[in-house]
Amino acid sequence: MKVGFIGLGAMGGAMASNLLAAGHTLTVWNRSVAATEPLASLGARVARSADRAAQGEVLCSMLANDQAVREVFLDGGLLDAMDRGTVHVNHATISVALAQELAAEHEKRGLEYVAAPVFGRPDVAAAAKLNIVVAGKPAAVERVRSLLEAMGSRLWPLGEAPERANVVKIAGNFMLASAIESMAEASALTRAYGVGAAEFLDVMTNTLFAAPAYQGYGKLIAEQRFKPAGFALPLGFKDVGLALAAGEAGRVPLPFAGVLRDAMLEALAAGDAEMDWSALALVAARRAHLDERG
């Protein structure tokens, strides 16, 4: 299949490489040309502009946030440059409001739109083991099924309205952030009494919380391994903001999301922007002045 892919960060680049490995003809574009070089070496064609990457049957995109998606597809005119019938598969974590707007704008132009945000970090993406939540018209989803299966281990269909996939992704990331914050605060508590984070989290993640999210992020917290970031704090801050916005629009109170937003803002204010969002553990430790206790 002839496929375009735009947005080649750590996640997008890994996902695009799996499309090449599956035998698809790939044209890529990224604002930073350097990000296209690894894919070019694997056989991808590099487009000089986003619209040149959108000349195939399907265009996949993995852009950072609402602003980037809006700038490229709406303000930048990419939707107007796409041929009728093209399927756009949007993997980005975007707001419910923008998801609804994009669905309407694609419909106006005779374009197909599938929301397919993913759960998994860059190493999971590279291994083609992502969990992909998918929403869109059944015929459009079926057209891109082989692409999604090349990038993930399981697809989770969520109906026709694209925003259904986006709200599941937002809610899921809210749960992940909540898990990280709970481990951060709980390990700060045990440290105050001489029980190290590694010792405490080893017990918890092998008994009460023996689940991948707790085990993976618990290990990062225990080892204080916050760089390089698998999921950077600014992205986590953005996603908690999306949860709060969706909650406000749907009249759903999310009191703990406010706690998470403030903790992440505190981390960003302390200069932790380049760290993984598991660095919320540093916020909990600083609040307790643990490093000052000796």
C-alpha atoms as a PDB file:
ATOM      1  CA  MET A   1       0.000   0.000   0.000  1.00  0.00           C
ATOM      2  CA  LYS A   2       1.191   3.542  -0.736  1.00  0.00           C
ATOM      3  CA  VAL A   3       1.321   5.327   2.606  1.00  0.00           C
ATOM      4  CA  GLY A   4       2.400   8.761   3.792  1.00  0.00           C
ATOM      5  CA  PHE A   5       3.609   9.361   7.335  1.00  0.00           C
ATOM      6  CA  ILE A   6       4.137  12.752   8.942  1.00  0.00           C
ATOM      7  CA  GLY A   7       5.486  13.391  12.426  1.00  0.00           C
ATOM      8  CA  LEU A   8       8.627  11.365  13.028  1.00  0.00           C
ATOM      9  CA  GLY A   9       9.445  11.806  16.691  1.00  0.00           C
ATOM     10  CA  ALA A  10      10.480   8.866  18.842  1.00  0.00           C
ATOM     11  CA  MET A  11       7.048   7.262  18.463  1.00  0.00           C
ATOM     12  CA  GLY A  12       6.280   8.196  14.866  1.00  0.00           C
ATOM     13  CA  GLY A  13       9.688   7.168  13.584  1.00  0.00           C
ATOM     14  CA  ALA A  14       9.410   3.732  15.187  1.00  0.00           C
ATOM     15  CA  MET A  15       5.882   3.233  13.888  1.00  0.00           C
ATOM     16  CA  ALA A  16       6.824   4.279  10.362  1.00  0.00           C
ATOM     17  CA  SER A  17       9.770   1.872  10.337  1.00  0.00           C
ATOM     18  CA  ASN A  18       7.385  -1.001  11.015  1.00  0.00           C
ATOM     19  CA  LEU A  19       5.284  -0.022   8.003  1.00  0.00           C
ATOM     20  CA  LEU A  20       8.404  -0.285   5.869  1.00  0.00           C
ATOM     21  CA  ALA A  21       9.253  -3.640   7.421  1.00  0.00           C
ATOM     22  CA  ALA A  22       5.758  -4.857   6.495  1.00  0.00           C
ATOM     23  CA  GLY A  23       6.444  -4.060   2.843  1.00  0.00           C
ATOM     24  CA  HIS A  24       4.431  -0.873   2.388  1.00  0.00           C
ATOM     25  CA  THR A  25       5.652   1.944   0.121  1.00  0.00           C
ATOM     26  CA  LEU A  26       6.294   4.856   2.450  1.00  0.00           C
ATOM     27  CA  THR A  27       6.720   8.597   1.916  1.00  0.00           C
ATOM     28  CA  VAL A  28       7.640  10.581   5.016  1.00  0.00           C
ATOM     29  CA  TRP A  29       7.742  14.200   6.070  1.00  0.00           C
ATOM     30  CA  ASN A  30       8.861  15.935   9.253  1.00  0.00           C
ATOM     31  CA  ARG A  31       9.522  19.557  10.104  1.00  0.00           C
ATOM     32  CA  SER A  32      13.046  18.603  11.119  1.00  0.00           C
ATOM     33  CA  VAL A  33      14.583  16.906   8.096  1.00  0.00           C
ATOM     34  CA  ALA A  34      17.127  15.099  10.291  1.00  0.00           C
ATOM     35  CA  ALA A  35      14.327  12.906  11.687  1.00  0.00           C
ATOM     36  CA  THR A  36      13.636  11.534   8.200  1.00  0.00           C
ATOM     37  CA  GLU A  37      17.176  10.244   7.624  1.00  0.00           C
ATOM     38  CA  PRO A  38      16.882   6.886   9.473  1.00  0.00           C
ATOM     39  CA  LEU A  39      13.737   6.063   7.485  1.00  0.00           C
ATOM     40  CA  ALA A  40      15.327   7.171   4.220  1.00  0.00           C
ATOM     41  CA  SER A  41      18.136   4.720   4.909  1.00  0.00           C
ATOM     42  CA  LEU A  42      15.498   1.971   5.234  1.00  0.00           C
ATOM     43  CA  GLY A  43      13.953   2.825   1.877  1.00  0.00           C
ATOM     44  CA  ALA A  44      11.398   5.551   2.585  1.00  0.00           C
ATOM     45  CA  ARG A  45      10.970   8.429   0.184  1.00  0.00           C
ATOM     46  CA  VAL A  46      11.392  11.838   1.856  1.00  0.00           C
ATOM     47  CA  ALA A  47       8.859  14.493   0.848  1.00  0.00           C
ATOM     48  CA  ARG A  48       9.807  18.164   0.692  1.00  0.00           C
ATOM     49  CA  SER A  49       6.457  19.231   2.125  1.00  0.00           C
ATOM     50  CA  ALA A  50       3.570  17.704   4.019  1.00  0.00           C
ATOM     51  CA  ASP A  51       1.266  17.723   0.995  1.00  0.00           C
ATOM     52  CA  ARG A  52       3.825  15.690  -0.990  1.00  0.00           C
ATOM     53  CA  ALA A  53       3.636  13.008   1.695  1.00  0.00           C
ATOM     54  CA  ALA A  54      -0.143  12.862   1.300  1.00  0.00           C
ATOM     55  CA  GLN A  55      -0.229  11.509  -2.250  1.00  0.00           C
ATOM     56  CA  GLY A  56      -0.893   7.858  -1.381  1.00  0.00           C
ATOM     57  CA  GLU A  57      -3.973   5.904  -0.369  1.00  0.00           C
ATOM     58  CA  VAL A  58      -3.455   6.551   3.340  1.00  0.00           C
ATOM     59  CA  LEU A  59      -1.811   9.306   5.367  1.00  0.00           C
ATOM     60  CA  CYS A  60      -0.730   8.501   8.923  1.00  0.00           C
ATOM     61  CA  SER A  61       0.205  11.282  11.312  1.00  0.00           C
ATOM     62  CA  MET A  62       1.814  11.339  14.744  1.00  0.00           C
ATOM     63  CA  LEU A  63       2.137  15.007  15.681  1.00  0.00           C
ATOM     64  CA  ALA A  64       2.810  16.301  19.177  1.00  0.00           C
ATOM     65  CA  ASN A  65      -0.327  18.167  20.176  1.00  0.00           C
ATOM     66  CA  ASP A  66      -3.453  20.066  19.125  1.00  0.00           C
ATOM     67  CA  GLN A  67      -1.447  23.051  17.958  1.00  0.00           C
ATOM     68  CA  ALA A  68       0.786  21.010  15.660  1.00  0.00           C
ATOM     69  CA  VAL A  69      -2.168  19.097  14.200  1.00  0.00           C
ATOM     70  CA  ARG A  70      -4.115  22.295  13.612  1.00  0.00           C
ATOM     71  CA  GLU A  71      -1.156  24.086  12.029  1.00  0.00           C
ATOM     72  CA  VAL A  72      -0.452  21.285   9.567  1.00  0.00           C
ATOM     73  CA  PHE A  73      -3.904  20.013   8.636  1.00  0.00           C
ATOM     74  CA  LEU A  74      -6.192  23.017   9.011  1.00  0.00           C
ATOM     75  CA  ASP A  75      -4.172  26.252   9.007  1.00  0.00           C
ATOM     76  CA  GLY A  76      -1.524  24.778   6.715  1.00  0.00           C
ATOM     77  CA  GLY A  77      -4.112  23.576   4.201  1.00  0.00           C
ATOM     78  CA  LEU A  78      -3.096  19.928   4.102  1.00  0.00           C
ATOM     79  CA  LEU A  79      -6.690  18.713   4.148  1.00  0.00           C
ATOM     80  CA  ASP A  80      -7.416  20.829   1.075  1.00  0.00           C
ATOM     81  CA  ALA A  81      -4.435  19.290  -0.723  1.00  0.00           C
ATOM     82  CA  MET A  82      -5.508  15.683  -0.151  1.00  0.00           C
ATOM     83  CA  ASP A  83      -7.398  13.690  -2.780  1.00  0.00           C
ATOM     84  CA  ARG A  84     -10.997  12.730  -2.058  1.00  0.00           C
ATOM     85  CA  GLY A  85     -11.237   9.239  -0.596  1.00  0.00           C
ATOM     86  CA  THR A  86      -7.833   9.348   1.079  1.00  0.00           C
ATOM     87  CA  VAL A  87      -7.853   7.910   4.589  1.00  0.00           C
ATOM     88  CA  HIS A  88      -6.166   9.988   7.274  1.00  0.00           C
ATOM     89  CA  VAL A  89      -5.155   7.932  10.324  1.00  0.00           C
ATOM     90  CA  ASN A  90      -4.413  10.247  13.216  1.00  0.00           C
ATOM     91  CA  HIS A  91      -2.329   8.633  15.965  1.00  0.00           C
ATOM     92  CA  ALA A  92      -1.842  11.821  18.007  1.00  0.00           C
ATOM     93  CA  THR A  93      -3.241  12.347  21.489  1.00  0.00           C
ATOM     94  CA  ILE A  94      -5.487  15.335  20.847  1.00  0.00           C
ATOM     95  CA  SER A  95      -8.428  16.984  22.557  1.00  0.00           C
ATOM     96  CA  VAL A  96     -11.960  15.694  22.182  1.00  0.00           C
ATOM     97  CA  ALA A  97     -12.972  19.055  20.730  1.00  0.00           C
ATOM     98  CA  LEU A  98     -10.313  18.957  18.005  1.00  0.00           C
ATOM     99  CA  ALA A  99     -11.161  15.322  17.212  1.00  0.00           C
ATOM    100  CA  GLN A 100     -14.765  16.321  16.582  1.00  0.00           C
ATOM    101  CA  GLU A 101     -13.702  19.306  14.487  1.00  0.00           C
ATOM    102  CA  LEU A 102     -11.334  17.206  12.386  1.00  0.00           C
ATOM    103  CA  ALA A 103     -14.008  14.596  11.729  1.00  0.00           C
ATOM    104  CA  ALA A 104     -16.334  17.307  10.418  1.00  0.00           C
ATOM    105  CA  GLU A 105     -13.635  18.939   8.269  1.00  0.00           C
ATOM    106  CA  HIS A 106     -12.654  15.620   6.702  1.00  0.00           C
ATOM    107  CA  GLU A 107     -16.310  14.858   5.960  1.00  0.00           C
ATOM    108  CA  LYS A 108     -16.723  18.198   4.167  1.00  0.00           C
ATOM    109  CA  ARG A 109     -13.850  17.353   1.826  1.00  0.00           C
ATOM    110  CA  GLY A 110     -14.787  13.766   1.096  1.00  0.00           C
ATOM    111  CA  LEU A 111     -11.866  12.436   3.132  1.00  0.00           C
ATOM    112  CA  GLU A 112     -11.976   9.454   5.471  1.00  0.00           C
ATOM    113  CA  TYR A 113     -10.831   9.971   9.049  1.00  0.00           C
ATOM    114  CA  VAL A 114      -9.740   7.328  11.548  1.00  0.00           C
ATOM    115  CA  ALA A 115      -8.582   8.147  15.082  1.00  0.00           C
ATOM    116  CA  ALA A 116      -6.000   5.599  16.225  1.00  0.00           C
ATOM    117  CA  PRO A 117      -4.070   6.822  19.288  1.00  0.00           C
ATOM    118  CA  VAL A 118      -1.689   4.325  20.829  1.00  0.00           C
ATOM    119  CA  PHE A 119      -0.641   3.040  24.230  1.00  0.00           C
ATOM    120  CA  GLY A 120       3.057   2.265  24.562  1.00  0.00           C
ATOM    121  CA  ARG A 121       6.446   3.918  24.841  1.00  0.00           C
ATOM    122  CA  PRO A 122       9.033   4.198  22.028  1.00  0.00           C
ATOM    123  CA  ASP A 123      10.565   0.776  22.741  1.00  0.00           C
ATOM    124  CA  VAL A 124       7.107  -0.797  22.498  1.00  0.00           C
ATOM    125  CA  ALA A 125       6.483   1.069  19.238  1.00  0.00           C
ATOM    126  CA  ALA A 126       9.796  -0.180  17.827  1.00  0.00           C
ATOM    127  CA  ALA A 127       8.801  -3.753  18.688  1.00  0.00           C
ATOM    128  CA  ALA A 128       5.399  -3.285  16.954  1.00  0.00           C
ATOM    129  CA  LYS A 129       3.625  -4.161  20.208  1.00  0.00           C
ATOM    130  CA  LEU A 130       1.493  -1.057  20.650  1.00  0.00           C
ATOM    131  CA  ASN A 131      -2.104  -1.265  21.805  1.00  0.00           C
ATOM    132  CA  ILE A 132      -4.064   0.856  19.344  1.00  0.00           C
ATOM    133  CA  VAL A 133      -7.523   2.239  20.114  1.00  0.00           C
ATOM    134  CA  VAL A 134      -9.426   2.808  16.874  1.00  0.00           C
ATOM    135  CA  ALA A 135     -12.563   4.713  15.949  1.00  0.00           C
ATOM    136  CA  GLY A 136     -13.953   5.637  12.543  1.00  0.00           C
ATOM    137  CA  LYS A 137     -16.292   4.430   9.829  1.00  0.00           C
ATOM    138  CA  PRO A 138     -16.028   0.629   9.538  1.00  0.00           C
ATOM    139  CA  ALA A 139     -15.039   0.708   5.856  1.00  0.00           C
ATOM    140  CA  ALA A 140     -12.243   3.198   6.531  1.00  0.00           C
ATOM    141  CA  VAL A 141     -10.969   1.223   9.514  1.00  0.00           C
ATOM    142  CA  GLU A 142     -10.955  -1.934   7.421  1.00  0.00           C
ATOM    143  CA  ARG A 143      -8.909  -0.220   4.698  1.00  0.00           C
ATOM    144  CA  VAL A 144      -6.141   0.592   7.165  1.00  0.00           C
ATOM    145  CA  ARG A 145      -6.324  -2.528   9.318  1.00  0.00           C
ATOM    146  CA  SER A 146      -3.170  -4.062   7.813  1.00  0.00           C
ATOM    147  CA  LEU A 147      -1.229  -0.881   8.607  1.00  0.00           C
ATOM    148  CA  LEU A 148      -2.414  -0.811  12.196  1.00  0.00           C
ATOM    149  CA  GLU A 149      -1.647  -4.496  12.644  1.00  0.00           C
ATOM    150  CA  ALA A 150       1.885  -3.867  11.364  1.00  0.00           C
ATOM    151  CA  MET A 151       2.412  -1.330  14.155  1.00  0.00           C
ATOM    152  CA  GLY A 152       0.610  -2.927  17.081  1.00  0.00           C
ATOM    153  CA  SER A 153      -0.055  -6.184  18.859  1.00  0.00           C
ATOM    154  CA  ARG A 154      -3.766  -5.517  19.355  1.00  0.00           C
ATOM    155  CA  LEU A 155      -6.455  -3.218  18.005  1.00  0.00           C
ATOM    156  CA  TRP A 156      -9.276  -2.028  20.243  1.00  0.00           C
ATOM    157  CA  PRO A 157     -12.268  -0.914  18.117  1.00  0.00           C
ATOM    158  CA  LEU A 158     -14.406   1.784  19.729  1.00  0.00           C
ATOM    159  CA  GLY A 159     -17.093   2.599  17.207  1.00  0.00           C
ATOM    160  CA  GLU A 160     -17.545   5.212  14.494  1.00  0.00           C
ATOM    161  CA  ALA A 161     -17.144   8.548  16.297  1.00  0.00           C
ATOM    162  CA  PRO A 162     -13.386   9.340  16.258  1.00  0.00           C
ATOM    163  CA  GLU A 163     -13.491  11.224  19.547  1.00  0.00           C
ATOM    164  CA  ARG A 164     -14.353   7.955  21.318  1.00  0.00           C
ATOM    165  CA  ALA A 165     -10.792   6.742  20.691  1.00  0.00           C
ATOM    166  CA  ASN A 166      -9.347  10.041  21.816  1.00  0.00           C
ATOM    167  CA  VAL A 167     -11.238  10.180  25.095  1.00  0.00           C
ATOM    168  CA  VAL A 168     -10.122   6.611  25.878  1.00  0.00           C
ATOM    169  CA  LYS A 169      -6.515   7.609  25.219  1.00  0.00           C
ATOM    170  CA  ILE A 170      -6.850  10.731  27.379  1.00  0.00           C
ATOM    171  CA  ALA A 171      -8.511   8.799  30.207  1.00  0.00           C
ATOM    172  CA  GLY A 172      -5.867   6.084  29.983  1.00  0.00           C
ATOM    173  CA  ASN A 173      -3.026   8.567  30.260  1.00  0.00           C
ATOM    174  CA  PHE A 174      -4.808  10.171  33.206  1.00  0.00           C
ATOM    175  CA  MET A 175      -4.788   6.759  34.909  1.00  0.00           C
ATOM    176  CA  LEU A 176      -1.087   6.298  34.149  1.00  0.00           C
ATOM    177  CA  ALA A 177      -0.258   9.699  35.586  1.00  0.00           C
ATOM    178  CA  SER A 178      -2.311   8.858  38.667  1.00  0.00           C
ATOM    179  CA  ALA A 179      -0.359   5.618  39.122  1.00  0.00           C
ATOM    180  CA  ILE A 180       2.940   7.472  38.832  1.00  0.00           C
ATOM    181  CA  GLU A 181       1.879  10.123  41.337  1.00  0.00           C
ATOM    182  CA  SER A 182       0.671   7.523  43.836  1.00  0.00           C
ATOM    183  CA  MET A 183       4.003   5.662  43.625  1.00  0.00           C
ATOM    184  CA  ALA A 184       5.901   8.936  43.898  1.00  0.00           C
ATOM    185  CA  GLU A 185       4.090   9.994  47.071  1.00  0.00           C
ATOM    186  CA  ALA A 186       4.063   6.521  48.638  1.00  0.00           C
ATOM    187  CA  SER A 187       7.796   5.989  48.055  1.00  0.00           C
ATOM    188  CA  ALA A 188       8.528   9.439  49.515  1.00  0.00           C
ATOM    189  CA  LEU A 189       6.620   8.326  52.619  1.00  0.00           C
ATOM    190  CA  THR A 190       8.616   5.107  52.998  1.00  0.00           C
ATOM    191  CA  ARG A 191      11.908   6.908  52.380  1.00  0.00           C
ATOM    192  CA  ALA A 192      11.157   9.231  55.283  1.00  0.00           C
ATOM    193  CA  TYR A 193      11.220   6.144  57.493  1.00  0.00           C
ATOM    194  CA  GLY A 194      14.334   4.602  56.016  1.00  0.00           C
ATOM    195  CA  VAL A 195      12.744   2.254  53.485  1.00  0.00           C
ATOM    196  CA  GLY A 196      14.188   3.018  50.061  1.00  0.00           C
ATOM    197  CA  ALA A 197      12.039   3.486  46.988  1.00  0.00           C
ATOM    198  CA  ALA A 198      13.567   0.430  45.307  1.00  0.00           C
ATOM    199  CA  GLU A 199      12.842  -1.796  48.308  1.00  0.00           C
ATOM    200  CA  PHE A 200       9.285  -0.521  48.714  1.00  0.00           C
ATOM    201  CA  LEU A 201       8.362  -0.611  45.037  1.00  0.00           C
ATOM    202  CA  ASP A 202       9.815  -4.082  44.615  1.00  0.00           C
ATOM    203  CA  VAL A 203       7.290  -5.309  47.170  1.00  0.00           C
ATOM    204  CA  MET A 204       4.363  -3.372  45.714  1.00  0.00           C
ATOM    205  CA  THR A 205       4.943  -4.167  42.039  1.00  0.00           C
ATOM    206  CA  ASN A 206       5.273  -7.875  42.743  1.00  0.00           C
ATOM    207  CA  THR A 207       2.220  -8.147  44.994  1.00  0.00           C
ATOM    208  CA  LEU A 208      -0.649  -5.650  45.155  1.00  0.00           C
ATOM    209  CA  PHE A 209       0.288  -3.807  41.960  1.00  0.00           C
ATOM    210  CA  ALA A 210       1.818  -6.509  39.764  1.00  0.00           C
ATOM    211  CA  ALA A 211       0.812  -4.815  36.509  1.00  0.00           C
ATOM    212  CA  PRO A 212       2.903  -3.473  33.606  1.00  0.00           C
ATOM    213  CA  ALA A 213       2.211   0.206  34.296  1.00  0.00           C
ATOM    214  CA  TYR A 214       3.261  -0.052  37.941  1.00  0.00           C
ATOM    215  CA  GLN A 215       6.192  -2.341  37.229  1.00  0.00           C
ATOM    216  CA  GLY A 216       7.578  -0.236  34.378  1.00  0.00           C
ATOM    217  CA  TYR A 217       7.235   3.155  36.012  1.00  0.00           C
ATOM    218  CA  GLY A 218       8.058   1.757  39.444  1.00  0.00           C
ATOM    219  CA  LYS A 219      11.399   0.603  38.077  1.00  0.00           C
ATOM    220  CA  LEU A 220      12.136   4.072  36.677  1.00  0.00           C
ATOM    221  CA  ILE A 221      11.294   5.675  40.026  1.00  0.00           C
ATOM    222  CA  ALA A 222      13.313   3.133  42.007  1.00  0.00           C
ATOM    223  CA  GLU A 223      16.350   3.646  39.792  1.00  0.00           C
ATOM    224  CA  GLN A 224      15.840   7.429  39.511  1.00  0.00           C
ATOM    225  CA  ARG A 225      16.156   6.900  35.756  1.00  0.00           C
ATOM    226  CA  PHE A 226      14.311   9.871  34.341  1.00  0.00           C
ATOM    227  CA  LYS A 227      16.501  10.492  31.289  1.00  0.00           C
ATOM    228  CA  PRO A 228      16.246   9.921  28.416  1.00  0.00           C
ATOM    229  CA  ALA A 229      12.524  10.505  28.589  1.00  0.00           C
ATOM    230  CA  GLY A 230      10.299   7.810  27.143  1.00  0.00           C
ATOM    231  CA  PHE A 231       7.362  10.164  27.675  1.00  0.00           C
ATOM    232  CA  ALA A 232       8.463  13.687  28.511  1.00  0.00           C
ATOM    233  CA  LEU A 233       6.870  15.713  31.306  1.00  0.00           C
ATOM    234  CA  PRO A 234       5.515  18.431  28.969  1.00  0.00           C
ATOM    235  CA  LEU A 235       3.554  15.768  27.082  1.00  0.00           C
ATOM    236  CA  GLY A 236       2.143  14.394  30.327  1.00  0.00           C
ATOM    237  CA  PHE A 237       1.220  17.914  31.409  1.00  0.00           C
ATOM    238  CA  LYS A 238      -0.518  18.411  28.074  1.00  0.00           C
ATOM    239  CA  ASP A 239      -2.489  15.179  28.407  1.00  0.00           C
ATOM    240  CA  VAL A 240      -3.678  15.950  31.939  1.00  0.00           C
ATOM    241  CA  GLY A 241      -4.828  19.292  30.563  1.00  0.00           C
ATOM    242  CA  LEU A 242      -6.780  17.451  27.862  1.00  0.00           C
ATOM    243  CA  ALA A 243      -8.456  15.346  30.546  1.00  0.00           C
ATOM    244  CA  LEU A 244      -9.458  18.444  32.484  1.00  0.00           C
ATOM    245  CA  ALA A 245     -10.811  20.102  29.326  1.00  0.00           C
ATOM    246  CA  ALA A 246     -12.814  16.991  28.415  1.00  0.00           C
ATOM    247  CA  GLY A 247     -14.109  16.782  31.969  1.00  0.00           C
ATOM    248  CA  GLU A 248     -15.226  20.397  31.894  1.00  0.00           C
ATOM    249  CA  ALA A 249     -16.963  19.976  28.538  1.00  0.00           C
ATOM    250  CA  GLY A 250     -18.704  16.805  29.703  1.00  0.00           C
ATOM    251  CA  ARG A 251     -19.498  18.145  33.179  1.00  0.00           C
ATOM    252  CA  VAL A 252     -17.352  15.409  34.750  1.00  0.00           C
ATOM    253  CA  PRO A 253     -15.378  16.516  37.837  1.00  0.00           C
ATOM    254  CA  LEU A 254     -11.783  15.212  37.862  1.00  0.00           C
ATOM    255  CA  PRO A 255     -10.396  16.501  41.163  1.00  0.00           C
ATOM    256  CA  PHE A 256      -7.269  14.364  41.093  1.00  0.00           C
ATOM    257  CA  ALA A 257      -6.439  15.629  37.606  1.00  0.00           C
ATOM    258  CA  GLY A 258      -6.021  19.053  39.192  1.00  0.00           C
ATOM    259  CA  VAL A 259      -3.537  17.591  41.671  1.00  0.00           C
ATOM    260  CA  LEU A 260      -1.587  16.009  38.804  1.00  0.00           C
ATOM    261  CA  ARG A 261      -1.587  19.224  36.791  1.00  0.00           C
ATOM    262  CA  ASP A 262      -0.129  21.166  39.697  1.00  0.00           C
ATOM    263  CA  ALA A 263       2.509  18.509  40.427  1.00  0.00           C
ATOM    264  CA  MET A 264       3.594  18.499  36.795  1.00  0.00           C
ATOM    265  CA  LEU A 265       3.620  22.283  36.686  1.00  0.00           C
ATOM    266  CA  GLU A 266       5.825  22.248  39.780  1.00  0.00           C
ATOM    267  CA  ALA A 267       8.203  19.848  38.018  1.00  0.00           C
ATOM    268  CA  LEU A 268       8.324  22.037  34.920  1.00  0.00           C
ATOM    269  CA  ALA A 269       8.963  25.126  37.050  1.00  0.00           C
ATOM    270  CA  ALA A 270      11.884  23.277  38.678  1.00  0.00           C
ATOM    271  CA  GLY A 271      13.484  22.699  35.280  1.00  0.00           C
ATOM    272  CA  ASP A 272      12.499  19.046  34.780  1.00  0.00           C
ATOM    273  CA  ALA A 273      11.026  19.505  31.287  1.00  0.00           C
ATOM    274  CA  GLU A 274      13.471  17.127  29.611  1.00  0.00           C
ATOM    275  CA  MET A 275      12.731  14.318  32.052  1.00  0.00           C
ATOM    276  CA  ASP A 276      10.307  11.431  31.849  1.00  0.00           C
ATOM    277  CA  TRP A 277       6.974  12.055  33.551  1.00  0.00           C
ATOM    278  CA  SER A 278       7.959   9.490  36.177  1.00  0.00           C
ATOM    279  CA  ALA A 279      10.113  12.354  37.506  1.00  0.00           C
ATOM    280  CA  LEU A 280       7.006  13.286  39.487  1.00  0.00           C
ATOM    281  CA  ALA A 281       8.895  11.270  42.106  1.00  0.00           C
ATOM    282  CA  LEU A 282      11.345  14.173  42.361  1.00  0.00           C
ATOM    283  CA  VAL A 283       8.486  16.541  43.143  1.00  0.00           C
ATOM    284  CA  ALA A 284       7.266  14.315  45.978  1.00  0.00           C
ATOM    285  CA  ALA A 285      10.815  14.026  47.354  1.00  0.00           C
ATOM    286  CA  ARG A 286      11.410  17.772  47.179  1.00  0.00           C
ATOM    287  CA  ARG A 287       8.142  18.510  48.948  1.00  0.00           C
ATOM    288  CA  ALA A 288       9.234  16.238  51.790  1.00  0.00           C
ATOM    289  CA  HIS A 289      12.782  17.710  51.783  1.00  0.00           C
ATOM    290  CA  LEU A 290      14.102  14.162  51.731  1.00  0.00           C
ATOM    291  CA  ASP A 291      17.482  15.055  50.254  1.00  0.00           C
ATOM    292  CA  GLU A 292      18.018  17.551  53.074  1.00  0.00           C
ATOM    293  CA  ARG A 293      17.483  14.955  55.779  1.00  0.00           C
ATOM    294  CA  GLY A 294      20.635  13.015  54.929  1.00  0.00           C
END
